[in-house]
């Protein structure tokens, strides 16, 4: 299971909404700093004296939320994905995992390089069993009997085989 750590921020003219996600619990902080904030959500209306609105067992469906204080109102479109069995990881742990993976991959590459480097000069014993000595020059190949050399008296047979331009 991959970790899920999300922090969403909705920008308003008065300040920012702060959205924190942990498991299936979503905590939203209103940008207003006074007491008596009223929250409006599609599921229920709730009046609290706190800036934080907590949604337990969020179902990952998008929602329009708003917090108001007197005549001032700020709205937030919440589209947060949550999961019940995810583990939260901090940035240091993720960086450590990535670094360890890169080091292991580099180690495997170095091992493959050194083991393949040693096999370059070896001859395979399965191919031929005769001993290798100094290379001698091979005689020219035997002419193919299907082709005859052009003789002086038979030019008319091969007259149509002149060079052609492409």
N, C-alpha and C. Protein backbone atom coordinates (compact mmCIF):
# COMPACT_ATOMS: atom_id res chain seq x y z
N UNK A 1 0.85 -1.17 0.00
CA UNK A 1 0.00 0.00 0.00
C UNK A 1 0.90 1.23 0.00
N UNK A 2 0.65 2.13 -0.92
CA UNK A 2 1.44 3.35 -1.01
C UNK A 2 0.97 4.35 0.03
N UNK A 3 1.87 5.17 0.53
CA UNK A 3 1.48 6.16 1.53
C UNK A 3 0.70 7.30 0.89
N UNK A 4 -0.17 7.88 1.67
CA UNK A 4 -0.94 9.02 1.20
C UNK A 4 -0.81 10.14 2.21
N UNK A 5 -0.14 11.19 1.83
CA UNK A 5 -0.01 12.36 2.68
C UNK A 5 -0.39 13.55 1.82
N UNK A 6 -1.42 14.26 2.24
CA UNK A 6 -1.88 15.38 1.43
C UNK A 6 -2.14 16.59 2.30
N UNK A 7 -1.76 17.73 1.79
CA UNK A 7 -2.09 19.00 2.40
C UNK A 7 -2.62 19.89 1.29
N UNK A 8 -3.87 20.32 1.41
CA UNK A 8 -4.47 21.16 0.40
C UNK A 8 -4.66 22.55 0.97
N UNK A 9 -4.50 23.55 0.14
CA UNK A 9 -4.69 24.92 0.59
C UNK A 9 -5.60 25.62 -0.38
N UNK A 10 -6.70 26.17 0.12
CA UNK A 10 -7.60 26.97 -0.70
C UNK A 10 -7.34 28.43 -0.40
N UNK A 11 -7.20 29.24 -1.41
CA UNK A 11 -6.83 30.64 -1.21
C UNK A 11 -8.09 31.51 -1.22
N UNK A 12 -8.20 32.39 -0.26
CA UNK A 12 -9.28 33.36 -0.23
C UNK A 12 -8.67 34.74 -0.04
N UNK A 13 -9.50 35.76 -0.14
CA UNK A 13 -8.96 37.12 -0.05
C UNK A 13 -8.53 37.45 1.38
N UNK A 14 -9.14 36.84 2.39
CA UNK A 14 -8.79 37.11 3.77
C UNK A 14 -7.60 36.28 4.24
N UNK A 15 -7.34 35.20 3.60
CA UNK A 15 -6.28 34.31 4.03
C UNK A 15 -6.44 32.97 3.35
N UNK A 16 -5.93 31.92 3.98
CA UNK A 16 -5.94 30.61 3.38
C UNK A 16 -6.67 29.61 4.26
N UNK A 17 -7.39 28.70 3.60
CA UNK A 17 -7.89 27.52 4.29
C UNK A 17 -6.72 26.57 4.43
N UNK A 18 -6.62 25.91 5.54
CA UNK A 18 -5.60 24.88 5.73
C UNK A 18 -6.33 23.56 5.85
N UNK A 19 -6.02 22.61 4.99
CA UNK A 19 -6.67 21.31 4.98
C UNK A 19 -5.63 20.26 5.32
N UNK A 20 -5.90 19.48 6.36
CA UNK A 20 -5.00 18.41 6.78
C UNK A 20 -5.75 17.09 6.68
N UNK A 21 -5.08 16.08 6.13
CA UNK A 21 -5.70 14.77 5.94
C UNK A 21 -4.89 13.73 6.69
N UNK A 22 -5.57 12.93 7.48
CA UNK A 22 -4.93 11.84 8.21
C UNK A 22 -5.89 10.66 8.20
N UNK A 23 -5.55 9.62 7.45
CA UNK A 23 -6.45 8.48 7.33
C UNK A 23 -7.70 8.92 6.59
N UNK A 24 -8.88 8.74 7.23
CA UNK A 24 -10.14 9.20 6.64
C UNK A 24 -10.66 10.46 7.32
N UNK A 25 -9.85 11.07 8.15
CA UNK A 25 -10.25 12.29 8.85
C UNK A 25 -9.66 13.51 8.14
N UNK A 26 -10.51 14.48 7.84
CA UNK A 26 -10.10 15.71 7.18
C UNK A 26 -10.37 16.86 8.15
N UNK A 27 -9.34 17.66 8.42
CA UNK A 27 -9.46 18.82 9.30
C UNK A 27 -9.23 20.08 8.47
N UNK A 28 -10.20 21.00 8.52
CA UNK A 28 -10.12 22.23 7.74
C UNK A 28 -10.07 23.40 8.71
N UNK A 29 -9.14 24.31 8.49
CA UNK A 29 -9.02 25.49 9.33
C UNK A 29 -9.48 26.71 8.53
N UNK A 30 -10.42 27.47 9.10
CA UNK A 30 -10.99 28.64 8.45
C UNK A 30 -9.99 29.80 8.53
N UNK A 31 -9.97 30.67 7.52
CA UNK A 31 -9.04 31.80 7.55
C UNK A 31 -9.41 32.89 8.56
N UNK A 32 -10.68 32.91 9.06
CA UNK A 32 -11.07 33.90 10.05
C UNK A 32 -10.48 33.52 11.41
N UNK A 33 -10.11 34.52 12.19
CA UNK A 33 -9.43 34.24 13.46
C UNK A 33 -10.27 34.51 14.69
N UNK A 34 -11.51 34.93 14.52
CA UNK A 34 -12.37 35.22 15.68
C UNK A 34 -13.18 33.99 16.07
N UNK A 35 -13.85 34.08 17.23
CA UNK A 35 -14.71 33.00 17.70
C UNK A 35 -16.10 33.13 17.08
N UNK A 36 -16.89 32.05 17.16
CA UNK A 36 -18.26 32.06 16.66
C UNK A 36 -18.36 31.81 15.17
N UNK A 37 -17.49 31.02 14.62
CA UNK A 37 -17.50 30.72 13.19
C UNK A 37 -18.57 29.68 12.91
N UNK A 38 -19.33 29.88 11.85
CA UNK A 38 -20.35 28.92 11.45
C UNK A 38 -19.91 28.24 10.17
N UNK A 39 -19.90 26.92 10.20
CA UNK A 39 -19.50 26.11 9.06
C UNK A 39 -20.74 25.59 8.35
N UNK A 40 -20.72 25.54 7.04
CA UNK A 40 -21.80 24.98 6.25
C UNK A 40 -21.20 23.92 5.32
N UNK A 41 -21.79 22.73 5.41
CA UNK A 41 -21.34 21.64 4.54
C UNK A 41 -22.59 20.96 3.98
N UNK A 42 -22.45 20.16 2.93
CA UNK A 42 -23.63 19.50 2.36
C UNK A 42 -24.27 18.50 3.32
N UNK A 43 -23.53 17.97 4.25
CA UNK A 43 -24.06 16.95 5.15
C UNK A 43 -24.76 17.57 6.37
N UNK A 44 -24.18 18.63 6.93
CA UNK A 44 -24.76 19.20 8.15
C UNK A 44 -24.25 20.62 8.36
N UNK A 45 -24.99 21.39 9.08
CA UNK A 45 -24.55 22.71 9.50
C UNK A 45 -24.05 22.61 10.93
N UNK A 46 -22.97 23.28 11.21
CA UNK A 46 -22.37 23.16 12.53
C UNK A 46 -21.82 24.52 12.93
N UNK A 47 -22.15 24.95 14.11
CA UNK A 47 -21.60 26.19 14.64
C UNK A 47 -20.58 25.83 15.71
N UNK A 48 -19.40 26.36 15.57
CA UNK A 48 -18.37 26.09 16.57
C UNK A 48 -17.71 27.40 16.95
N UNK A 49 -17.03 27.39 18.01
CA UNK A 49 -16.24 28.54 18.43
C UNK A 49 -14.81 28.39 17.98
N UNK A 50 -14.53 27.32 17.26
CA UNK A 50 -13.17 27.04 16.82
C UNK A 50 -13.04 27.29 15.33
N UNK A 51 -11.83 27.51 14.90
CA UNK A 51 -11.55 27.71 13.48
C UNK A 51 -11.52 26.40 12.71
N UNK A 52 -11.42 25.29 13.43
CA UNK A 52 -11.25 23.99 12.77
C UNK A 52 -12.58 23.27 12.62
N UNK A 53 -12.76 22.69 11.42
CA UNK A 53 -13.92 21.87 11.12
C UNK A 53 -13.39 20.47 10.79
N UNK A 54 -13.87 19.47 11.52
CA UNK A 54 -13.35 18.10 11.38
C UNK A 54 -14.41 17.23 10.73
N UNK A 55 -14.00 16.57 9.65
CA UNK A 55 -14.88 15.60 8.98
C UNK A 55 -14.27 14.22 9.22
N UNK A 56 -14.99 13.41 9.99
CA UNK A 56 -14.52 12.04 10.25
C UNK A 56 -15.14 11.10 9.21
N UNK A 57 -14.43 10.07 8.82
CA UNK A 57 -14.88 9.09 7.82
C UNK A 57 -15.32 9.77 6.53
N UNK A 58 -14.45 10.61 6.00
CA UNK A 58 -14.73 11.29 4.72
C UNK A 58 -14.73 10.24 3.61
N UNK A 59 -15.66 10.37 2.66
CA UNK A 59 -15.83 9.35 1.62
C UNK A 59 -15.16 9.71 0.30
N UNK A 60 -14.27 10.68 0.28
CA UNK A 60 -13.50 11.12 -0.89
C UNK A 60 -14.34 11.75 -1.98
N UNK A 61 -15.59 12.08 -1.70
CA UNK A 61 -16.41 12.76 -2.69
C UNK A 61 -16.18 14.27 -2.57
N UNK A 62 -16.18 14.98 -3.69
CA UNK A 62 -16.00 16.44 -3.63
C UNK A 62 -17.12 17.10 -2.84
N UNK A 63 -16.79 18.18 -2.13
CA UNK A 63 -17.77 18.87 -1.31
C UNK A 63 -17.49 20.37 -1.33
N UNK A 64 -18.55 21.16 -1.26
CA UNK A 64 -18.43 22.60 -1.12
C UNK A 64 -18.64 22.95 0.34
N UNK A 65 -17.66 23.56 0.94
CA UNK A 65 -17.72 23.96 2.34
C UNK A 65 -17.60 25.47 2.43
N UNK A 66 -18.17 26.03 3.47
CA UNK A 66 -17.99 27.47 3.69
C UNK A 66 -17.93 27.73 5.18
N UNK A 67 -17.17 28.74 5.53
CA UNK A 67 -17.15 29.21 6.92
C UNK A 67 -17.51 30.69 6.89
N UNK A 68 -18.33 31.09 7.86
CA UNK A 68 -18.76 32.48 7.89
C UNK A 68 -18.64 33.02 9.31
N UNK A 69 -18.39 34.29 9.35
CA UNK A 69 -18.29 35.02 10.62
C UNK A 69 -18.99 36.35 10.40
N UNK A 70 -20.22 36.44 10.91
CA UNK A 70 -21.01 37.65 10.68
C UNK A 70 -21.39 37.76 9.22
N UNK A 71 -21.04 38.85 8.59
CA UNK A 71 -21.37 39.05 7.17
C UNK A 71 -20.26 38.55 6.25
N UNK A 72 -19.11 38.16 6.82
CA UNK A 72 -18.00 37.66 6.00
C UNK A 72 -18.14 36.15 5.80
N UNK A 73 -17.93 35.72 4.56
CA UNK A 73 -18.08 34.30 4.24
C UNK A 73 -16.99 33.89 3.26
N UNK A 74 -16.38 32.76 3.49
CA UNK A 74 -15.36 32.19 2.60
C UNK A 74 -15.80 30.77 2.24
N UNK A 75 -15.59 30.42 0.97
CA UNK A 75 -16.00 29.11 0.48
C UNK A 75 -14.78 28.30 0.04
N UNK A 76 -14.93 26.98 0.13
CA UNK A 76 -13.85 26.05 -0.23
C UNK A 76 -14.46 24.87 -0.95
N UNK A 77 -13.88 24.52 -2.09
CA UNK A 77 -14.25 23.30 -2.80
C UNK A 77 -13.24 22.24 -2.38
N UNK A 78 -13.70 21.23 -1.67
CA UNK A 78 -12.83 20.19 -1.13
C UNK A 78 -12.91 18.95 -2.03
N UNK A 79 -11.80 18.59 -2.63
CA UNK A 79 -11.71 17.38 -3.45
C UNK A 79 -10.50 16.60 -2.93
N UNK A 80 -10.66 15.94 -1.80
CA UNK A 80 -9.56 15.24 -1.14
C UNK A 80 -9.80 13.75 -1.19
N UNK A 81 -8.78 13.02 -1.57
CA UNK A 81 -8.86 11.55 -1.58
C UNK A 81 -8.25 11.03 -0.29
N UNK A 82 -8.98 10.16 0.37
CA UNK A 82 -8.52 9.59 1.62
C UNK A 82 -8.52 8.07 1.51
N UNK A 83 -7.77 7.42 2.39
CA UNK A 83 -7.84 5.96 2.45
C UNK A 83 -7.65 5.52 3.90
N UNK A 84 -8.35 4.47 4.24
CA UNK A 84 -8.39 4.03 5.64
C UNK A 84 -7.12 3.31 6.07
N UNK A 85 -6.49 2.55 5.18
CA UNK A 85 -5.35 1.73 5.60
C UNK A 85 -4.02 2.23 5.05
N UNK A 86 -3.91 3.52 4.80
CA UNK A 86 -2.65 4.08 4.31
C UNK A 86 -1.78 4.51 5.49
N UNK A 87 -0.49 4.45 5.26
CA UNK A 87 0.46 4.90 6.27
C UNK A 87 1.02 6.24 5.86
N UNK A 88 1.19 7.13 6.80
CA UNK A 88 1.77 8.43 6.52
C UNK A 88 3.27 8.37 6.70
N UNK A 89 3.98 8.95 5.75
CA UNK A 89 5.44 8.98 5.80
C UNK A 89 5.90 10.42 5.76
N UNK A 90 6.92 10.71 6.52
CA UNK A 90 7.47 12.07 6.47
C UNK A 90 8.48 12.15 5.32
N UNK A 91 8.91 13.34 5.01
CA UNK A 91 9.80 13.57 3.86
C UNK A 91 11.15 12.88 4.03
N UNK A 92 11.66 12.81 5.24
CA UNK A 92 12.95 12.17 5.49
C UNK A 92 12.89 10.67 5.19
N UNK A 93 11.80 10.02 5.56
CA UNK A 93 11.65 8.58 5.29
C UNK A 93 11.58 8.33 3.78
N UNK A 94 10.82 9.13 3.07
CA UNK A 94 10.70 8.98 1.62
C UNK A 94 12.06 9.20 0.96
N UNK A 95 12.79 10.23 1.39
CA UNK A 95 14.12 10.49 0.82
C UNK A 95 15.07 9.33 1.11
N UNK A 96 14.98 8.73 2.30
CA UNK A 96 15.82 7.58 2.64
C UNK A 96 15.51 6.37 1.77
N UNK A 97 14.24 6.13 1.51
CA UNK A 97 13.85 5.00 0.67
C UNK A 97 14.37 5.19 -0.76
N UNK A 98 14.22 6.38 -1.29
CA UNK A 98 14.69 6.66 -2.66
C UNK A 98 16.21 6.54 -2.74
N UNK A 99 16.92 7.06 -1.74
CA UNK A 99 18.39 6.99 -1.74
C UNK A 99 18.85 5.53 -1.65
N UNK A 100 18.24 4.74 -0.78
CA UNK A 100 18.61 3.33 -0.66
C UNK A 100 18.36 2.58 -1.97
N UNK A 101 17.24 2.87 -2.63
CA UNK A 101 16.94 2.23 -3.90
C UNK A 101 17.98 2.58 -4.96
N UNK A 102 18.37 3.84 -5.03
CA UNK A 102 19.39 4.25 -6.00
C UNK A 102 20.75 3.60 -5.71
N UNK A 103 21.13 3.49 -4.44
CA UNK A 103 22.40 2.86 -4.09
C UNK A 103 22.40 1.37 -4.42
N UNK A 104 21.30 0.69 -4.17
CA UNK A 104 21.22 -0.73 -4.50
C UNK A 104 21.30 -0.92 -6.02
N UNK A 105 20.59 -0.08 -6.76
CA UNK A 105 20.64 -0.16 -8.23
C UNK A 105 22.05 0.10 -8.74
N UNK A 106 22.72 1.09 -8.21
CA UNK A 106 24.10 1.38 -8.60
C UNK A 106 25.02 0.20 -8.27
N UNK A 107 24.85 -0.43 -7.12
CA UNK A 107 25.65 -1.60 -6.75
C UNK A 107 25.46 -2.75 -7.71
N UNK A 108 24.20 -3.00 -8.12
CA UNK A 108 23.93 -4.08 -9.08
C UNK A 108 24.58 -3.75 -10.43
N UNK A 109 24.50 -2.49 -10.86
CA UNK A 109 25.13 -2.10 -12.12
C UNK A 109 26.65 -2.31 -12.08
N UNK A 110 27.28 -1.96 -10.98
CA UNK A 110 28.73 -2.14 -10.86
C UNK A 110 29.08 -3.63 -10.88
N UNK A 111 28.31 -4.46 -10.18
CA UNK A 111 28.58 -5.91 -10.20
C UNK A 111 28.43 -6.48 -11.61
N UNK A 112 27.39 -6.10 -12.32
CA UNK A 112 27.19 -6.60 -13.67
C UNK A 112 28.34 -6.14 -14.57
N UNK A 113 28.78 -4.92 -14.41
CA UNK A 113 29.89 -4.40 -15.23
C UNK A 113 31.16 -5.20 -15.00
N UNK A 114 31.52 -5.43 -13.74
CA UNK A 114 32.77 -6.14 -13.47
C UNK A 114 32.70 -7.60 -13.87
N UNK A 115 31.56 -8.26 -13.68
CA UNK A 115 31.47 -9.66 -14.09
C UNK A 115 31.44 -9.79 -15.61
N UNK A 116 30.83 -8.87 -16.31
CA UNK A 116 30.81 -8.96 -17.77
C UNK A 116 32.14 -8.54 -18.37
N UNK A 117 32.89 -7.69 -17.68
CA UNK A 117 34.20 -7.25 -18.16
C UNK A 117 35.19 -8.42 -18.20
N UNK A 118 35.12 -9.31 -17.24
CA UNK A 118 36.03 -10.46 -17.18
C UNK A 118 35.73 -11.49 -18.24
N UNK A 119 34.55 -11.56 -18.78
CA UNK A 119 34.18 -12.57 -19.77
C UNK A 119 34.48 -12.15 -21.20
N UNK A 120 34.88 -10.93 -21.44
CA UNK A 120 35.11 -10.47 -22.81
C UNK A 120 36.23 -11.23 -23.50
N UNK A 121 37.35 -11.52 -22.82
CA UNK A 121 38.50 -12.14 -23.46
C UNK A 121 38.41 -13.64 -23.56
N UNK A 122 37.45 -14.27 -22.89
CA UNK A 122 37.36 -15.72 -22.91
C UNK A 122 36.71 -16.22 -24.19
N UNK A 123 37.26 -17.33 -24.72
CA UNK A 123 36.67 -17.95 -25.90
C UNK A 123 35.69 -19.00 -25.44
N UNK A 124 34.63 -19.17 -26.18
CA UNK A 124 33.66 -20.19 -25.79
C UNK A 124 34.19 -21.56 -26.17
N UNK A 125 34.04 -22.54 -25.32
CA UNK A 125 34.58 -23.88 -25.58
C UNK A 125 33.58 -24.73 -26.35
N UNK A 126 32.36 -24.27 -26.53
CA UNK A 126 31.36 -25.07 -27.22
C UNK A 126 31.47 -24.96 -28.74
N UNK A 127 32.02 -23.89 -29.25
CA UNK A 127 32.04 -23.63 -30.69
C UNK A 127 32.90 -24.61 -31.47
N UNK A 128 34.20 -24.44 -31.45
CA UNK A 128 35.07 -25.35 -32.19
C UNK A 128 36.16 -25.86 -31.25
N UNK A 129 36.60 -27.10 -31.52
CA UNK A 129 37.52 -27.73 -30.58
C UNK A 129 38.97 -27.75 -31.09
N UNK A 130 39.23 -27.21 -32.25
CA UNK A 130 40.61 -27.23 -32.76
C UNK A 130 41.41 -26.12 -32.07
N UNK A 131 42.68 -26.36 -31.89
CA UNK A 131 43.50 -25.35 -31.20
C UNK A 131 43.70 -24.13 -32.08
N UNK A 132 43.74 -23.01 -31.44
CA UNK A 132 43.92 -21.76 -32.18
C UNK A 132 45.39 -21.41 -32.22
N UNK A 133 45.89 -21.21 -33.39
CA UNK A 133 47.28 -20.80 -33.56
C UNK A 133 47.28 -19.44 -34.24
N UNK A 134 48.36 -19.17 -34.95
CA UNK A 134 48.38 -17.92 -35.68
C UNK A 134 47.40 -18.02 -36.83
N UNK A 135 46.78 -16.90 -37.15
CA UNK A 135 45.81 -16.90 -38.24
C UNK A 135 46.56 -16.98 -39.56
N UNK A 136 46.14 -17.94 -40.37
CA UNK A 136 46.75 -18.09 -41.69
C UNK A 136 45.78 -17.51 -42.71
N UNK A 137 46.33 -17.13 -43.85
CA UNK A 137 45.47 -16.59 -44.89
C UNK A 137 44.72 -17.72 -45.56
N UNK A 138 43.46 -17.48 -45.78
CA UNK A 138 42.64 -18.50 -46.43
C UNK A 138 42.74 -18.34 -47.94
N UNK A 139 42.63 -19.44 -48.65
CA UNK A 139 42.64 -19.33 -50.13
C UNK A 139 41.36 -18.66 -50.60
N UNK A 140 41.39 -18.08 -51.79
CA UNK A 140 40.17 -17.44 -52.29
C UNK A 140 39.09 -18.48 -52.51
N UNK A 141 37.83 -18.06 -52.44
CA UNK A 141 36.74 -19.04 -52.60
C UNK A 141 36.69 -19.60 -54.01
N UNK A 142 36.20 -20.80 -54.12
CA UNK A 142 36.07 -21.47 -55.41
C UNK A 142 34.98 -20.75 -56.20
N UNK A 143 35.22 -20.49 -57.50
CA UNK A 143 34.19 -19.79 -58.27
C UNK A 143 32.92 -20.61 -58.37
N UNK A 144 31.82 -19.93 -58.38
CA UNK A 144 30.53 -20.58 -58.47
C UNK A 144 30.33 -21.06 -59.91
N UNK A 145 30.00 -22.33 -60.12
CA UNK A 145 29.86 -22.85 -61.48
C UNK A 145 28.64 -22.30 -62.21
N UNK A 146 27.70 -21.65 -61.52
CA UNK A 146 26.52 -21.10 -62.18
C UNK A 146 26.85 -19.85 -62.98
N UNK A 147 27.97 -19.21 -62.70
CA UNK A 147 28.35 -17.99 -63.40
C UNK A 147 29.60 -18.25 -64.22
N UNK A 148 29.56 -17.86 -65.45
CA UNK A 148 30.73 -18.02 -66.31
C UNK A 148 31.39 -16.68 -66.53
N UNK A 149 32.71 -16.68 -66.67
CA UNK A 149 33.35 -15.42 -66.99
C UNK A 149 33.05 -15.02 -68.43
N UNK A 150 33.04 -13.73 -68.69
CA UNK A 150 32.76 -13.24 -70.03
C UNK A 150 33.99 -13.51 -70.90
N UNK A 151 33.74 -14.16 -72.02
CA UNK A 151 34.84 -14.44 -72.95
C UNK A 151 34.75 -13.44 -74.08
N UNK A 152 35.85 -13.23 -74.72
CA UNK A 152 35.93 -12.20 -75.76
C UNK A 152 34.95 -12.46 -76.90
N UNK A 153 34.72 -13.67 -77.26
CA UNK A 153 33.86 -13.96 -78.40
C UNK A 153 32.38 -13.96 -78.06
N UNK A 154 31.98 -13.88 -76.80
CA UNK A 154 30.57 -14.00 -76.44
C UNK A 154 29.99 -12.69 -75.90
N UNK A 155 30.41 -11.60 -76.37
CA UNK A 155 29.94 -10.32 -75.85
C UNK A 155 28.46 -10.10 -76.12
N UNK A 156 27.92 -10.60 -77.26
CA UNK A 156 26.52 -10.33 -77.59
C UNK A 156 25.56 -10.95 -76.58
N UNK A 157 25.92 -12.01 -75.91
CA UNK A 157 25.04 -12.64 -74.91
C UNK A 157 24.85 -11.71 -73.72
N UNK A 158 25.89 -10.98 -73.36
CA UNK A 158 25.85 -10.13 -72.18
C UNK A 158 25.71 -8.64 -72.53
N UNK A 159 25.32 -8.31 -73.77
CA UNK A 159 25.29 -6.92 -74.21
C UNK A 159 24.26 -6.09 -73.45
N UNK A 160 23.16 -6.69 -73.05
CA UNK A 160 22.11 -5.95 -72.35
C UNK A 160 22.39 -5.71 -70.89
N UNK A 161 23.52 -6.12 -70.39
CA UNK A 161 23.84 -6.00 -68.97
C UNK A 161 24.73 -4.83 -68.68
N UNK A 162 24.63 -3.77 -69.45
CA UNK A 162 25.47 -2.60 -69.23
C UNK A 162 25.06 -1.86 -67.95
N UNK A 163 25.87 -0.92 -67.52
CA UNK A 163 25.54 -0.18 -66.30
C UNK A 163 24.29 0.68 -66.51
N UNK A 164 23.47 0.74 -65.50
CA UNK A 164 22.22 1.51 -65.58
C UNK A 164 22.27 2.64 -64.56
N UNK A 165 21.72 3.77 -64.94
CA UNK A 165 21.64 4.89 -64.00
C UNK A 165 20.34 4.81 -63.20
N UNK A 166 20.40 5.15 -61.97
CA UNK A 166 19.21 5.07 -61.10
C UNK A 166 18.57 6.40 -60.97
